[in-house]
Amino acid sequence: MTEDLNNKKKKEALRVLKFVMFSASAGIIEIGVFTLMEVATDFPYWPCYLTALICSVLWNFTMNRHFTFQSANNVPVAMMKVAAYYCVFTPVTTIGGNYLAETLGWNDYLVTGMNMACNIVTEFLYQRFFVFGKTIDTNRRAHKIEEKKKAQEGE
């Protein structure tokens, strides 16, 4: 029983680590697109942020669905659930971020970084327990890993 609990804890810790790593890569994409838009256009904060956010969300969803949560659930349903999260997160961070950057004069990158930090925590919890909660470790990749593990235990 204790060994099973330890294995579950290790598996969940690895899941968190994967999520953080893919989110970091999405953050690099977000900052890259944001910087490109800031440098190459005269747009105010919000369209730069929104474009960068959309690019990072698409990357993050795809990678985390396949590798972190290893979910075989219905992709359109999962995307709609993630879209629902962003229907709340995006207006709050876009309007709030624009207020902080344009009205209060806060540094654009500081505001974007704060939004990204808030996003990583809330999105992990949302995806872990709502989007993929019942379908974690159900894709082919997860089944192959489980088969390999059982084969090694049988040796």
Protein backbone atom coordinates (compact mmCIF):
# COMPACT_ATOMS: atom_id res chain seq x y z
CA MET A 1 0.00 0.00 0.00
CA THR A 2 2.76 2.45 0.95
CA GLU A 3 4.72 1.54 -2.19
CA ASP A 4 1.63 2.16 -4.33
CA LEU A 5 1.12 5.55 -2.67
CA ASN A 6 4.78 6.45 -3.21
CA ASN A 7 4.51 5.47 -6.88
CA LYS A 8 1.41 7.65 -7.27
CA LYS A 9 3.20 10.57 -5.60
CA LYS A 10 6.22 10.14 -7.88
CA LYS A 11 3.99 9.92 -10.93
CA GLU A 12 2.13 13.08 -9.91
CA ALA A 13 5.37 14.92 -9.16
CA LEU A 14 6.64 13.96 -12.61
CA ARG A 15 3.34 15.20 -14.08
CA VAL A 16 3.81 18.58 -12.37
CA LEU A 17 7.41 18.77 -13.60
CA LYS A 18 6.32 18.01 -17.18
CA PHE A 19 3.59 20.63 -16.96
CA VAL A 20 6.05 23.22 -15.68
CA MET A 21 8.56 22.39 -18.43
CA PHE A 22 5.96 22.58 -21.22
CA SER A 23 4.57 25.75 -19.68
CA ALA A 24 8.07 27.20 -19.63
CA SER A 25 8.43 26.40 -23.33
CA ALA A 26 5.02 28.00 -23.92
CA GLY A 27 6.26 30.98 -21.93
CA ILE A 28 9.25 31.28 -24.24
CA ILE A 29 6.88 31.23 -27.20
CA GLU A 30 4.66 33.82 -25.51
CA ILE A 31 7.52 36.17 -24.68
CA GLY A 32 9.00 35.69 -28.16
CA VAL A 33 5.77 36.54 -29.94
CA PHE A 34 5.07 39.37 -27.49
CA THR A 35 8.54 40.85 -28.05
CA LEU A 36 8.26 40.49 -31.81
CA MET A 37 4.93 42.32 -31.75
CA GLU A 38 6.22 45.01 -29.38
CA VAL A 39 9.27 45.66 -31.56
CA ALA A 40 7.73 45.23 -35.01
CA THR A 41 4.41 47.05 -34.49
CA ASP A 42 2.99 50.17 -32.90
CA PHE A 43 0.19 48.16 -31.29
CA PRO A 44 -0.76 48.91 -27.68
CA TYR A 45 -0.21 46.27 -25.01
CA TRP A 46 -3.41 44.25 -25.42
CA PRO A 47 -3.11 42.96 -29.03
CA CYS A 48 0.54 42.04 -28.44
CA TYR A 49 -0.38 40.15 -25.28
CA LEU A 50 -3.46 38.50 -26.79
CA THR A 51 -1.65 37.23 -29.89
CA ALA A 52 1.23 35.90 -27.81
CA LEU A 53 -1.17 34.23 -25.37
CA ILE A 54 -3.06 32.43 -28.15
CA CYS A 55 0.17 31.06 -29.63
CA SER A 56 1.36 29.80 -26.26
CA VAL A 57 -2.02 28.26 -25.36
CA LEU A 58 -2.14 26.19 -28.55
CA TRP A 59 1.38 24.88 -27.94
CA ASN A 60 0.80 24.22 -24.24
CA PHE A 61 -2.51 22.41 -24.74
CA THR A 62 -1.10 20.13 -27.42
CA MET A 63 2.04 19.17 -25.50
CA ASN A 64 0.36 18.73 -22.12
CA ARG A 65 -2.53 16.71 -23.50
CA HIS A 66 -0.18 14.27 -25.19
CA PHE A 67 2.79 14.06 -22.82
CA THR A 68 1.82 15.36 -19.37
CA PHE A 69 -1.72 14.09 -18.94
CA GLN A 70 -1.45 11.41 -21.65
CA SER A 71 -5.12 11.78 -22.35
CA ALA A 72 -7.09 10.02 -25.07
CA ASN A 73 -10.18 12.12 -24.46
CA ASN A 74 -12.16 13.87 -27.16
CA VAL A 75 -9.88 16.70 -28.37
CA PRO A 76 -12.69 19.14 -29.30
CA VAL A 77 -14.32 18.64 -25.89
CA ALA A 78 -11.00 19.15 -24.09
CA MET A 79 -10.29 22.24 -26.21
CA MET A 80 -13.71 23.66 -25.39
CA LYS A 81 -13.01 23.18 -21.68
CA VAL A 82 -9.67 24.96 -22.05
CA ALA A 83 -11.40 27.67 -24.11
CA ALA A 84 -13.86 28.14 -21.22
CA TYR A 85 -10.92 28.70 -18.85
CA TYR A 86 -9.48 31.29 -21.23
CA CYS A 87 -12.89 32.97 -21.60
CA VAL A 88 -12.37 34.03 -17.98
CA PHE A 89 -8.57 34.27 -17.78
CA THR A 90 -8.02 36.22 -21.01
CA PRO A 91 -10.35 39.18 -20.40
CA VAL A 92 -9.20 39.52 -16.79
CA THR A 93 -5.51 39.50 -17.71
CA THR A 94 -5.91 41.48 -20.92
CA ILE A 95 -7.96 44.27 -19.38
CA GLY A 96 -6.08 44.18 -16.08
CA GLY A 97 -2.72 43.98 -17.83
CA ASN A 98 -3.60 46.81 -20.17
CA TYR A 99 -4.64 48.94 -17.18
CA LEU A 100 -1.39 48.22 -15.34
CA ALA A 101 0.80 48.77 -18.42
CA GLU A 102 -0.96 51.64 -20.19
CA THR A 103 -2.66 53.54 -17.34
CA LEU A 104 -0.36 52.96 -14.38
CA GLY A 105 2.80 52.74 -16.48
CA TRP A 106 3.98 49.38 -15.18
CA ASN A 107 6.62 47.61 -17.25
CA ASP A 108 4.95 45.52 -19.99
CA TYR A 109 7.20 42.53 -19.31
CA LEU A 110 6.55 42.64 -15.56
CA VAL A 111 2.79 42.60 -16.21
CA THR A 112 3.12 39.76 -18.72
CA GLY A 113 5.30 37.79 -16.28
CA MET A 114 2.72 38.23 -13.50
CA ASN A 115 0.00 37.00 -15.85
CA MET A 116 2.12 34.00 -16.80
CA ALA A 117 2.77 33.08 -13.15
CA CYS A 118 -0.95 33.25 -12.36
CA ASN A 119 -1.66 31.20 -15.47
CA ILE A 120 0.70 28.31 -14.71
CA VAL A 121 -0.82 27.62 -11.29
CA THR A 122 -4.48 28.02 -12.18
CA GLU A 123 -4.24 26.25 -15.52
CA PHE A 124 -2.48 23.20 -14.07
CA LEU A 125 -5.21 22.75 -11.48
CA TYR A 126 -7.95 23.33 -14.04
CA GLN A 127 -6.49 20.89 -16.58
CA ARG A 128 -5.47 18.28 -14.01
CA PHE A 129 -8.83 18.06 -12.30
CA PHE A 130 -11.40 19.28 -14.84
CA VAL A 131 -10.16 18.97 -18.42
CA PHE A 132 -8.21 15.70 -18.17
CA GLY A 133 -9.07 14.45 -14.67
CA LYS A 134 -11.00 11.34 -15.69
CA THR A 135 -8.90 10.56 -18.78
CA ILE A 136 -5.36 10.84 -17.43
CA ASP A 137 -3.02 8.12 -18.68
CA THR A 138 -5.45 6.77 -21.27
CA ASN A 139 -3.64 7.44 -24.56
CA ARG A 140 -1.44 4.95 -26.48
CA ARG A 141 1.71 6.40 -24.98
CA ALA A 142 0.45 5.74 -21.43
CA HIS A 143 -0.61 2.19 -22.32
CA LYS A 144 2.81 1.42 -23.82
CA ILE A 145 4.55 2.73 -20.69
CA GLU A 146 2.28 0.60 -18.49
CA GLU A 147 2.87 -2.51 -20.62
CA LYS A 148 6.63 -1.98 -20.47
CA LYS A 149 6.46 -1.56 -16.70
CA LYS A 150 4.46 -4.77 -16.29
CA ALA A 151 6.88 -6.66 -18.54
CA GLN A 152 9.82 -5.48 -16.43
CA GLU A 153 8.05 -6.52 -13.22
CA GLY A 154 7.40 -9.98 -14.71
CA GLU A 155 11.08 -10.58 -15.49
